[in-house]
PDB file of N, CA and C in Angstrom:
ATOM      1  N   MET A   1       0.888  -0.456   0.302  1.00  0.00           N
ATOM      2  CA  MET A   1      -0.131  -0.632  -0.409  1.00  0.00           C
ATOM      3  C   MET A   1       0.703   1.445  -0.146  1.00  0.00           C
ATOM      4  N   ALA A   2       0.102   2.181  -0.575  1.00  0.00           N
ATOM      5  CA  ALA A   2       1.282   3.595  -0.711  1.00  0.00           C
ATOM      6  C   ALA A   2       0.207   4.570  -0.165  1.00  0.00           C
ATOM      7  N   ILE A   3       0.856   5.620   0.079  1.00  0.00           N
ATOM      8  CA  ILE A   3       0.092   6.835   0.187  1.00  0.00           C
ATOM      9  C   ILE A   3       0.421   7.382  -1.544  1.00  0.00           C
ATOM     10  N   GLU A   4       0.177   8.752  -1.714  1.00  0.00           N
ATOM     11  CA  GLU A   4       0.601   9.991  -3.097  1.00  0.00           C
ATOM     12  C   GLU A   4       0.777  10.185  -2.185  1.00  0.00           C
ATOM     13  N   ASP A   5       2.174  11.282  -1.858  1.00  0.00           N
ATOM     14  CA  ASP A   5       2.159  12.740  -1.630  1.00  0.00           C
ATOM     15  C   ASP A   5       1.994  13.531  -2.850  1.00  0.00           C
ATOM     16  N   VAL A   6       1.145  14.845  -2.374  1.00  0.00           N
ATOM     17  CA  VAL A   6       0.938  16.148  -4.140  1.00  0.00           C
ATOM     18  C   VAL A   6       2.813  16.721  -3.404  1.00  0.00           C
ATOM     19  N   LYS A   7       3.358  16.889  -4.924  1.00  0.00           N
ATOM     20  CA  LYS A   7       4.576  17.005  -4.779  1.00  0.00           C
ATOM     21  C   LYS A   7       4.791  18.177  -6.167  1.00  0.00           C
ATOM     22  N   ASN A   8       5.273  20.049  -6.081  1.00  0.00           N
ATOM     23  CA  ASN A   8       5.605  20.486  -6.285  1.00  0.00           C
ATOM     24  C   ASN A   8       6.555  19.683  -7.125  1.00  0.00           C
ATOM     25  N   SER A   9       6.264  19.910  -8.597  1.00  0.00           N
ATOM     26  CA  SER A   9       6.842  18.836  -9.721  1.00  0.00           C
ATOM     27  C   SER A   9       7.891  20.508  -9.959  1.00  0.00           C
ATOM     28  N   ALA A  10       7.921  21.204 -10.087  1.00  0.00           N
ATOM     29  CA  ALA A  10       8.173  22.255 -10.901  1.00  0.00           C
ATOM     30  C   ALA A  10       9.039  23.319  -9.336  1.00  0.00           C
ATOM     31  N   GLY A  11       9.273  22.577  -8.442  1.00  0.00           N
ATOM     32  CA  GLY A  11       9.916  23.400  -6.952  1.00  0.00           C
ATOM     33  C   GLY A  11      10.526  24.696  -7.000  1.00  0.00           C
ATOM     34  N   ASP A  12       9.168  25.661  -7.469  1.00  0.00           N
ATOM     35  CA  ASP A  12       9.391  26.844  -7.565  1.00  0.00           C
ATOM     36  C   ASP A  12       8.136  27.649  -6.677  1.00  0.00           C
ATOM     37  N   SER A  13       7.630  29.063  -5.409  1.00  0.00           N
ATOM     38  CA  SER A  13       6.703  28.813  -5.350  1.00  0.00           C
ATOM     39  C   SER A  13       5.670  29.962  -6.088  1.00  0.00           C
ATOM     40  N   ALA A  14       6.043  29.691  -7.477  1.00  0.00           N
ATOM     41  CA  ALA A  14       5.000  30.704  -8.287  1.00  0.00           C
ATOM     42  C   ALA A  14       3.695  29.907  -8.734  1.00  0.00           C
ATOM     43  N   ALA A  15       4.614  29.124  -8.663  1.00  0.00           N
ATOM     44  CA  ALA A  15       3.697  27.473  -9.221  1.00  0.00           C
ATOM     45  C   ALA A  15       2.449  27.564  -8.487  1.00  0.00           C
ATOM     46  N   ALA A  16       1.362  26.842  -9.145  1.00  0.00           N
ATOM     47  CA  ALA A  16      -0.148  27.070  -8.915  1.00  0.00           C
ATOM     48  C   ALA A  16      -0.068  25.971  -7.419  1.00  0.00           C
ATOM     49  N   PRO A  17      -0.570  25.629  -6.851  1.00  0.00           N
ATOM     50  CA  PRO A  17      -1.264  24.386  -5.888  1.00  0.00           C
ATOM     51  C   PRO A  17      -1.556  23.120  -6.723  1.00  0.00           C
ATOM     52  N   GLN A  18      -1.715  22.521  -6.422  1.00  0.00           N
ATOM     53  CA  GLN A  18      -2.328  20.855  -7.087  1.00  0.00           C
ATOM     54  C   GLN A  18      -3.493  21.234  -7.011  1.00  0.00           C
ATOM     55  N   VAL A  19      -4.675  20.603  -6.680  1.00  0.00           N
ATOM     56  CA  VAL A  19      -6.377  20.511  -6.504  1.00  0.00           C
ATOM     57  C   VAL A  19      -6.627  18.927  -5.843  1.00  0.00           C
ATOM     58  N   ILE A  20      -6.921  18.698  -4.607  1.00  0.00           N
ATOM     59  CA  ILE A  20      -6.692  17.128  -4.190  1.00  0.00           C
ATOM     60  C   ILE A  20      -8.388  15.977  -4.775  1.00  0.00           C
ATOM     61  N   GLU A  21      -8.550  16.035  -5.498  1.00  0.00           N
ATOM     62  CA  GLU A  21      -9.475  15.615  -5.719  1.00  0.00           C
ATOM     63  C   GLU A  21     -10.097  14.627  -4.694  1.00  0.00           C
ATOM     64  N   PRO A  22     -11.505  14.673  -3.999  1.00  0.00           N
ATOM     65  CA  PRO A  22     -11.629  14.097  -3.044  1.00  0.00           C
ATOM     66  C   PRO A  22     -12.245  12.333  -2.904  1.00  0.00           C
ATOM     67  N   VAL A  23     -11.250  11.639  -2.119  1.00  0.00           N
ATOM     68  CA  VAL A  23     -12.100  10.440  -2.767  1.00  0.00           C
ATOM     69  C   VAL A  23     -12.776   9.483  -1.471  1.00  0.00           C
ATOM     70  N   ASP A  24     -12.934   8.303  -2.068  1.00  0.00           N
ATOM     71  CA  ASP A  24     -14.148   7.617  -1.295  1.00  0.00           C
ATOM     72  C   ASP A  24     -13.179   6.987   0.309  1.00  0.00           C
ATOM     73  N   PRO A  25     -13.882   7.853   1.777  1.00  0.00           N
ATOM     74  CA  PRO A  25     -13.358   6.589   2.292  1.00  0.00           C
ATOM     75  C   PRO A  25     -12.984   5.199   2.118  1.00  0.00           C
ATOM     76  N   PRO A  26     -12.028   4.810   3.182  1.00  0.00           N
ATOM     77  CA  PRO A  26     -11.876   3.334   3.322  1.00  0.00           C
ATOM     78  C   PRO A  26     -12.473   2.243   3.831  1.00  0.00           C
ATOM     79  N   SER A  27     -13.364   1.226   2.810  1.00  0.00           N
ATOM     80  CA  SER A  27     -13.837   0.320   3.208  1.00  0.00           C
ATOM     81  C   SER A  27     -14.227  -0.206   4.441  1.00  0.00           C
ATOM     82  N   SER A  28     -13.134  -0.585   5.071  1.00  0.00           N
ATOM     83  CA  SER A  28     -12.338  -1.217   6.224  1.00  0.00           C
ATOM     84  C   SER A  28     -12.270  -0.463   7.224  1.00  0.00           C
ATOM     85  N   ARG A  29     -12.876  -0.601   8.999  1.00  0.00           N
ATOM     86  CA  ARG A  29     -12.198   0.033   9.751  1.00  0.00           C
ATOM     87  C   ARG A  29     -10.253  -0.525  10.565  1.00  0.00           C
ATOM     88  N   PHE A  30      -9.582  -1.527   9.558  1.00  0.00           N
ATOM     89  CA  PHE A  30      -8.304  -1.984   9.630  1.00  0.00           C
ATOM     90  C   PHE A  30      -7.834  -0.882   8.634  1.00  0.00           C
ATOM     91  N   LEU A  31      -8.597  -0.524   7.269  1.00  0.00           N
ATOM     92  CA  LEU A  31      -7.487  -0.186   5.572  1.00  0.00           C
ATOM     93  C   LEU A  31      -7.530   0.920   6.651  1.00  0.00           C
ATOM     94  N   TYR A  32      -9.142   2.337   7.390  1.00  0.00           N
ATOM     95  CA  TYR A  32      -8.060   3.087   7.850  1.00  0.00           C
ATOM     96  C   TYR A  32      -7.476   3.648   8.437  1.00  0.00           C
ATOM     97  N   VAL A  33      -6.903   2.756   9.460  1.00  0.00           N
ATOM     98  CA  VAL A  33      -6.058   3.012  10.775  1.00  0.00           C
ATOM     99  C   VAL A  33      -4.970   2.935  10.175  1.00  0.00           C
ATOM    100  N   ASP A  34      -4.673   1.986   8.996  1.00  0.00           N
ATOM    101  CA  ASP A  34      -3.571   1.863   8.489  1.00  0.00           C
ATOM    102  C   ASP A  34      -3.083   3.195   7.731  1.00  0.00           C
ATOM    103  N   ILE A  35      -3.981   3.750   6.908  1.00  0.00           N
ATOM    104  CA  ILE A  35      -3.948   4.655   6.290  1.00  0.00           C
ATOM    105  C   ILE A  35      -3.357   5.586   6.846  1.00  0.00           C
ATOM    106  N   SER A  36      -4.276   6.407   8.540  1.00  0.00           N
ATOM    107  CA  SER A  36      -3.463   7.547   9.156  1.00  0.00           C
ATOM    108  C   SER A  36      -2.891   7.026   9.948  1.00  0.00           C
ATOM    109  N   ALA A  37      -2.015   5.724   9.681  1.00  0.00           N
ATOM    110  CA  ALA A  37      -1.230   5.420  10.518  1.00  0.00           C
ATOM    111  C   ALA A  37       0.340   6.295  10.217  1.00  0.00           C
ATOM    112  N   MET A  38       0.174   5.475   8.651  1.00  0.00           N
ATOM    113  CA  MET A  38       0.544   6.324   7.853  1.00  0.00           C
ATOM    114  C   MET A  38       0.651   7.435   7.003  1.00  0.00           C
ATOM    115  N   ARG A  39      -0.154   8.324   6.940  1.00  0.00           N
ATOM    116  CA  ARG A  39      -0.370   9.644   6.448  1.00  0.00           C
ATOM    117  C   ARG A  39       0.333  10.832   8.169  1.00  0.00           C
ATOM    118  N   ALA A  40      -0.296  10.220   9.187  1.00  0.00           N
ATOM    119  CA  ALA A  40       0.675  10.600  10.535  1.00  0.00           C
ATOM    120  C   ALA A  40       2.222  10.811  10.408  1.00  0.00           C
ATOM    121  N   LYS A  41       2.774   9.232  10.110  1.00  0.00           N
ATOM    122  CA  LYS A  41       4.050   9.707   9.498  1.00  0.00           C
ATOM    123  C   LYS A  41       4.510  10.362   9.225  1.00  0.00           C
ATOM    124  N   GLN A  42       3.720  10.657   7.802  1.00  0.00           N
ATOM    125  CA  GLN A  42       4.156  11.631   6.784  1.00  0.00           C
ATOM    126  C   GLN A  42       4.419  13.029   7.991  1.00  0.00           C
ATOM    127  N   LEU A  43       3.259  13.380   8.299  1.00  0.00           N
ATOM    128  CA  LEU A  43       3.115  14.387   9.292  1.00  0.00           C
ATOM    129  C   LEU A  43       4.342  15.142  10.329  1.00  0.00           C
ATOM    130  N   ARG A  44       4.644  13.590  11.117  1.00  0.00           N
ATOM    131  CA  ARG A  44       5.274  14.073  11.736  1.00  0.00           C
ATOM    132  C   ARG A  44       6.945  14.598  11.447  1.00  0.00           C
ATOM    133  N   ARG A  45       7.137  13.792  10.047  1.00  0.00           N
ATOM    134  CA  ARG A  45       8.536  14.254   8.575  1.00  0.00           C
ATOM    135  C   ARG A  45       8.610  15.714   8.416  1.00  0.00           C
ATOM    136  N   GLY A  46       6.883  15.964   9.313  1.00  0.00           N
ATOM    137  CA  GLY A  46       7.266  17.005   8.103  1.00  0.00           C
ATOM    138  C   GLY A  46       6.190  17.471   6.895  1.00  0.00           C
ATOM    139  N   ALA A  47       6.012  16.760   6.708  1.00  0.00           N
ATOM    140  CA  ALA A  47       4.410  17.527   5.922  1.00  0.00           C
ATOM    141  C   ALA A  47       3.692  18.162   5.834  1.00  0.00           C
ATOM    142  N   LEU A  48       3.212  18.200   5.083  1.00  0.00           N
ATOM    143  CA  LEU A  48       2.060  20.447   5.469  1.00  0.00           C
ATOM    144  C   LEU A  48       0.680  19.406   5.939  1.00  0.00           C
ATOM    145  N   PRO A  49       0.057  19.792   6.745  1.00  0.00           N
ATOM    146  CA  PRO A  49      -1.590  18.865   6.758  1.00  0.00           C
ATOM    147  C   PRO A  49      -2.688  19.393   5.182  1.00  0.00           C
ATOM    148  N   ARG A  50      -3.119  19.386   5.092  1.00  0.00           N
ATOM    149  CA  ARG A  50      -4.060  18.910   3.579  1.00  0.00           C
ATOM    150  C   ARG A  50      -5.358  19.563   4.705  1.00  0.00           C
ATOM    151  N   LEU A  51      -5.478  19.691   5.422  1.00  0.00           N
ATOM    152  CA  LEU A  51      -6.632  20.137   5.933  1.00  0.00           C
ATOM    153  C   LEU A  51      -6.379  21.889   5.988  1.00  0.00           C
ATOM    154  N   SER A  52      -7.718  22.829   6.112  1.00  0.00           N
ATOM    155  CA  SER A  52      -7.422  24.434   6.296  1.00  0.00           C
ATOM    156  C   SER A  52      -7.223  23.926   8.052  1.00  0.00           C
ATOM    157  N   THR A  53      -6.331  25.068   8.352  1.00  0.00           N
ATOM    158  CA  THR A  53      -6.589  26.213   9.985  1.00  0.00           C
ATOM    159  C   THR A  53      -7.425  26.198  10.414  1.00  0.00           C
ATOM    160  N   GLU A  54      -8.464  25.246  10.663  1.00  0.00           N
ATOM    161  CA  GLU A  54      -9.841  25.501  11.264  1.00  0.00           C
ATOM    162  C   GLU A  54      -9.588  25.932  13.113  1.00  0.00           C
ATOM    163  N   THR A  55      -9.066  25.423  13.352  1.00  0.00           N
ATOM    164  CA  THR A  55      -8.562  26.371  14.673  1.00  0.00           C
ATOM    165  C   THR A  55      -7.977  26.639  15.060  1.00  0.00           C
ATOM    166  N   GLN A  56      -7.470  27.054  16.854  1.00  0.00           N
ATOM    167  CA  GLN A  56      -6.134  28.368  17.734  1.00  0.00           C
ATOM    168  C   GLN A  56      -5.142  27.243  17.533  1.00  0.00           C
ATOM    169  N   GLN A  57      -5.704  25.425  18.227  1.00  0.00           N
ATOM    170  CA  GLN A  57      -5.383  24.651  19.314  1.00  0.00           C
ATOM    171  C   GLN A  57      -4.329  23.784  18.622  1.00  0.00           C
ATOM    172  N   PRO A  58      -3.155  23.382  18.464  1.00  0.00           N
ATOM    173  CA  PRO A  58      -2.479  22.838  18.295  1.00  0.00           C
ATOM    174  C   PRO A  58      -2.745  21.268  18.451  1.00  0.00           C
ATOM    175  N   LEU A  59      -3.240  20.545  16.883  1.00  0.00           N
ATOM    176  CA  LEU A  59      -4.012  19.284  16.784  1.00  0.00           C
ATOM    177  C   LEU A  59      -2.621  18.071  16.722  1.00  0.00           C
ATOM    178  N   LYS A  60      -3.007  17.367  17.601  1.00  0.00           N
ATOM    179  CA  LYS A  60      -1.293  15.499  16.850  1.00  0.00           C
ATOM    180  C   LYS A  60      -1.543  15.255  15.974  1.00  0.00           C
ATOM    181  N   ALA A  61      -0.537  14.969  15.523  1.00  0.00           N
ATOM    182  CA  ALA A  61      -0.258  14.443  13.987  1.00  0.00           C
ATOM    183  C   ALA A  61      -1.503  13.716  13.260  1.00  0.00           C
ATOM    184  N   GLU A  62      -1.489  12.161  13.881  1.00  0.00           N
ATOM    185  CA  GLU A  62      -2.121  11.426  14.212  1.00  0.00           C
ATOM    186  C   GLU A  62      -3.784  11.963  13.779  1.00  0.00           C
ATOM    187  N   ARG A  63      -5.019  12.435  15.698  1.00  0.00           N
ATOM    188  CA  ARG A  63      -5.866  13.285  14.884  1.00  0.00           C
ATOM    189  C   ARG A  63      -5.822  14.289  13.626  1.00  0.00           C
ATOM    190  N   ILE A  64      -4.505  14.788  12.734  1.00  0.00           N
ATOM    191  CA  ILE A  64      -5.148  15.345  11.718  1.00  0.00           C
ATOM    192  C   ILE A  64      -4.612  14.902  10.558  1.00  0.00           C
ATOM    193  N   ALA A  65      -4.870  13.461  10.881  1.00  0.00           N
ATOM    194  CA  ALA A  65      -4.637  12.759   9.719  1.00  0.00           C
ATOM    195  C   ALA A  65      -5.742  11.698   9.077  1.00  0.00           C
ATOM    196  N   MET A  66      -6.442  11.615  10.955  1.00  0.00           N
ATOM    197  CA  MET A  66      -7.944  10.626  10.819  1.00  0.00           C
ATOM    198  C   MET A  66      -8.231  11.098  10.415  1.00  0.00           C
ATOM    199  N   GLU A  67      -8.282  12.865  10.348  1.00  0.00           N
ATOM    200  CA  GLU A  67      -9.741  13.765   9.688  1.00  0.00           C
ATOM    201  C   GLU A  67      -8.892  14.219   8.725  1.00  0.00           C
ATOM    202  N   GLU A  68      -7.763  13.582   8.116  1.00  0.00           N
ATOM    203  CA  GLU A  68      -8.187  14.154   6.205  1.00  0.00           C
ATOM    204  C   GLU A  68      -8.392  12.603   5.820  1.00  0.00           C
ATOM    205  N   VAL A  69      -7.868  11.304   6.355  1.00  0.00           N
ATOM    206  CA  VAL A  69      -8.578  10.333   5.672  1.00  0.00           C
ATOM    207  C   VAL A  69     -10.352  10.064   5.633  1.00  0.00           C
ATOM    208  N   ARG A  70     -10.956  10.582   6.501  1.00  0.00           N
ATOM    209  CA  ARG A  70     -11.927  10.594   6.673  1.00  0.00           C
ATOM    210  C   ARG A  70     -13.061  11.483   5.871  1.00  0.00           C
ATOM    211  N   LYS A  71     -12.018  12.807   5.425  1.00  0.00           N
ATOM    212  CA  LYS A  71     -12.368  13.580   4.339  1.00  0.00           C
ATOM    213  C   LYS A  71     -12.086  13.409   2.788  1.00  0.00           C
ATOM    214  N   GLY A  72     -11.443  12.357   2.708  1.00  0.00           N
ATOM    215  CA  GLY A  72     -10.913  11.395   1.771  1.00  0.00           C
ATOM    216  C   GLY A  72      -9.749  12.554   0.907  1.00  0.00           C
ATOM    217  N   LEU A  73      -8.672  12.817   1.569  1.00  0.00           N
ATOM    218  CA  LEU A  73      -8.244  14.059   1.129  1.00  0.00           C
ATOM    219  C   LEU A  73      -6.482  13.693   1.631  1.00  0.00           C
ATOM    220  N   VAL A  74      -6.975  12.113   1.669  1.00  0.00           N
ATOM    221  CA  VAL A  74      -5.646  11.009   0.663  1.00  0.00           C
ATOM    222  C   VAL A  74      -5.919  10.075   0.409  1.00  0.00           C
ATOM    223  N   THR A  75      -5.255   9.988  -1.030  1.00  0.00           N
ATOM    224  CA  THR A  75      -5.268   8.929  -2.592  1.00  0.00           C
ATOM    225  C   THR A  75      -4.320   7.705  -1.152  1.00  0.00           C
ATOM    226  N   TYR A  76      -4.520   6.905  -1.836  1.00  0.00           N
ATOM    227  CA  TYR A  76      -4.035   5.265  -1.665  1.00  0.00           C
ATOM    228  C   TYR A  76      -4.493   4.318  -2.655  1.00  0.00           C
ATOM    229  N   ASP A  77      -3.599   3.111  -2.807  1.00  0.00           N
ATOM    230  CA  ASP A  77      -3.832   2.223  -3.890  1.00  0.00           C
ATOM    231  C   ASP A  77      -3.856   1.009  -2.897  1.00  0.00           C
ATOM    232  N   LEU A  78      -4.719   0.012  -3.426  1.00  0.00           N
ATOM    233  CA  LEU A  78      -4.517  -1.054  -3.072  1.00  0.00           C
ATOM    234  C   LEU A  78      -2.919  -2.624  -3.766  1.00  0.00           C
ATOM    235  N   PRO A  79      -2.975  -2.855  -3.065  1.00  0.00           N
ATOM    236  CA  PRO A  79      -1.871  -4.073  -4.155  1.00  0.00           C
ATOM    237  C   PRO A  79      -2.821  -4.957  -4.485  1.00  0.00           C
ATOM    238  N   ALA A  80      -3.098  -5.638  -5.977  1.00  0.00           N
ATOM    239  CA  ALA A  80      -3.810  -6.689  -6.831  1.00  0.00           C
ATOM    240  C   ALA A  80      -3.908  -7.972  -5.629  1.00  0.00           C
ATOM    241  N   PHE A  81      -5.155  -7.781  -5.154  1.00  0.00           N
ATOM    242  CA  PHE A  81      -4.981  -9.315  -4.444  1.00  0.00           C
ATOM    243  C   PHE A  81      -5.259 -10.979  -4.640  1.00  0.00           C
ATOM    244  N   LYS A  82      -4.008 -11.418  -4.697  1.00  0.00           N
ATOM    245  CA  LYS A  82      -3.782 -12.550  -5.269  1.00  0.00           C
ATOM    246  C   LYS A  82      -4.141 -13.657  -4.258  1.00  0.00           C
ATOM    247  N   PRO A  83      -4.843 -14.473  -4.739  1.00  0.00           N
ATOM    248  CA  PRO A  83      -5.089 -15.854  -4.018  1.00  0.00           C
ATOM    249  C   PRO A  83      -4.096 -16.690  -3.000  1.00  0.00           C
ATOM    250  N   ARG A  84      -3.924 -17.378  -2.602  1.00  0.00           N
ATOM    251  CA  ARG A  84      -3.468 -18.549  -2.747  1.00  0.00           C
ATOM    252  C   ARG A  84      -3.303 -20.281  -2.765  1.00  0.00           C
ATOM    253  N   ALA A  85      -3.114 -19.961  -3.458  1.00  0.00           N
ATOM    254  CA  ALA A  85      -3.072 -22.023  -3.427  1.00  0.00           C
ATOM    255  C   ALA A  85      -2.762 -22.960  -2.766  1.00  0.00           C
ATOM    256  N   PHE A  86      -3.422 -23.681  -1.810  1.00  0.00           N
ATOM    257  CA  PHE A  86      -3.524 -24.395  -1.668  1.00  0.00           C
ATOM    258  C   PHE A  86      -3.139 -25.947  -1.545  1.00  0.00           C
ATOM    259  N   THR A  87      -2.498 -26.857  -1.603  1.00  0.00           N
ATOM    260  CA  THR A  87      -1.559 -27.836  -1.587  1.00  0.00           C
ATOM    261  C   THR A  87      -2.251 -28.972   0.077  1.00  0.00           C
ATOM    262  N   ASP A  88      -2.810 -29.697  -0.381  1.00  0.00           N
ATOM    263  CA  ASP A  88      -2.712 -30.943   0.391  1.00  0.00           C
ATOM    264  C   ASP A  88      -1.609 -31.527  -0.037  1.00  0.00           C
TER     265      ASP A  88
END
């Protein structure tokens, strides 16, 4: 599983920021927690939050990540399912 970060490929501040289209929320709780944890790790390492600053108080990276995933601001892809062959 990978989370794609929105990056400015031009590298200059004059370029317009990319618009993120909201995606559907994860289909399971485990997937929601896994994606949120990966995003929180990115935030702790210096990634900028994708939420607008609505509150004055600082929030933990985990709370910000969970809200971003809930609102569909974090994109993710899942690996293809490969069923295992059972041998007797």
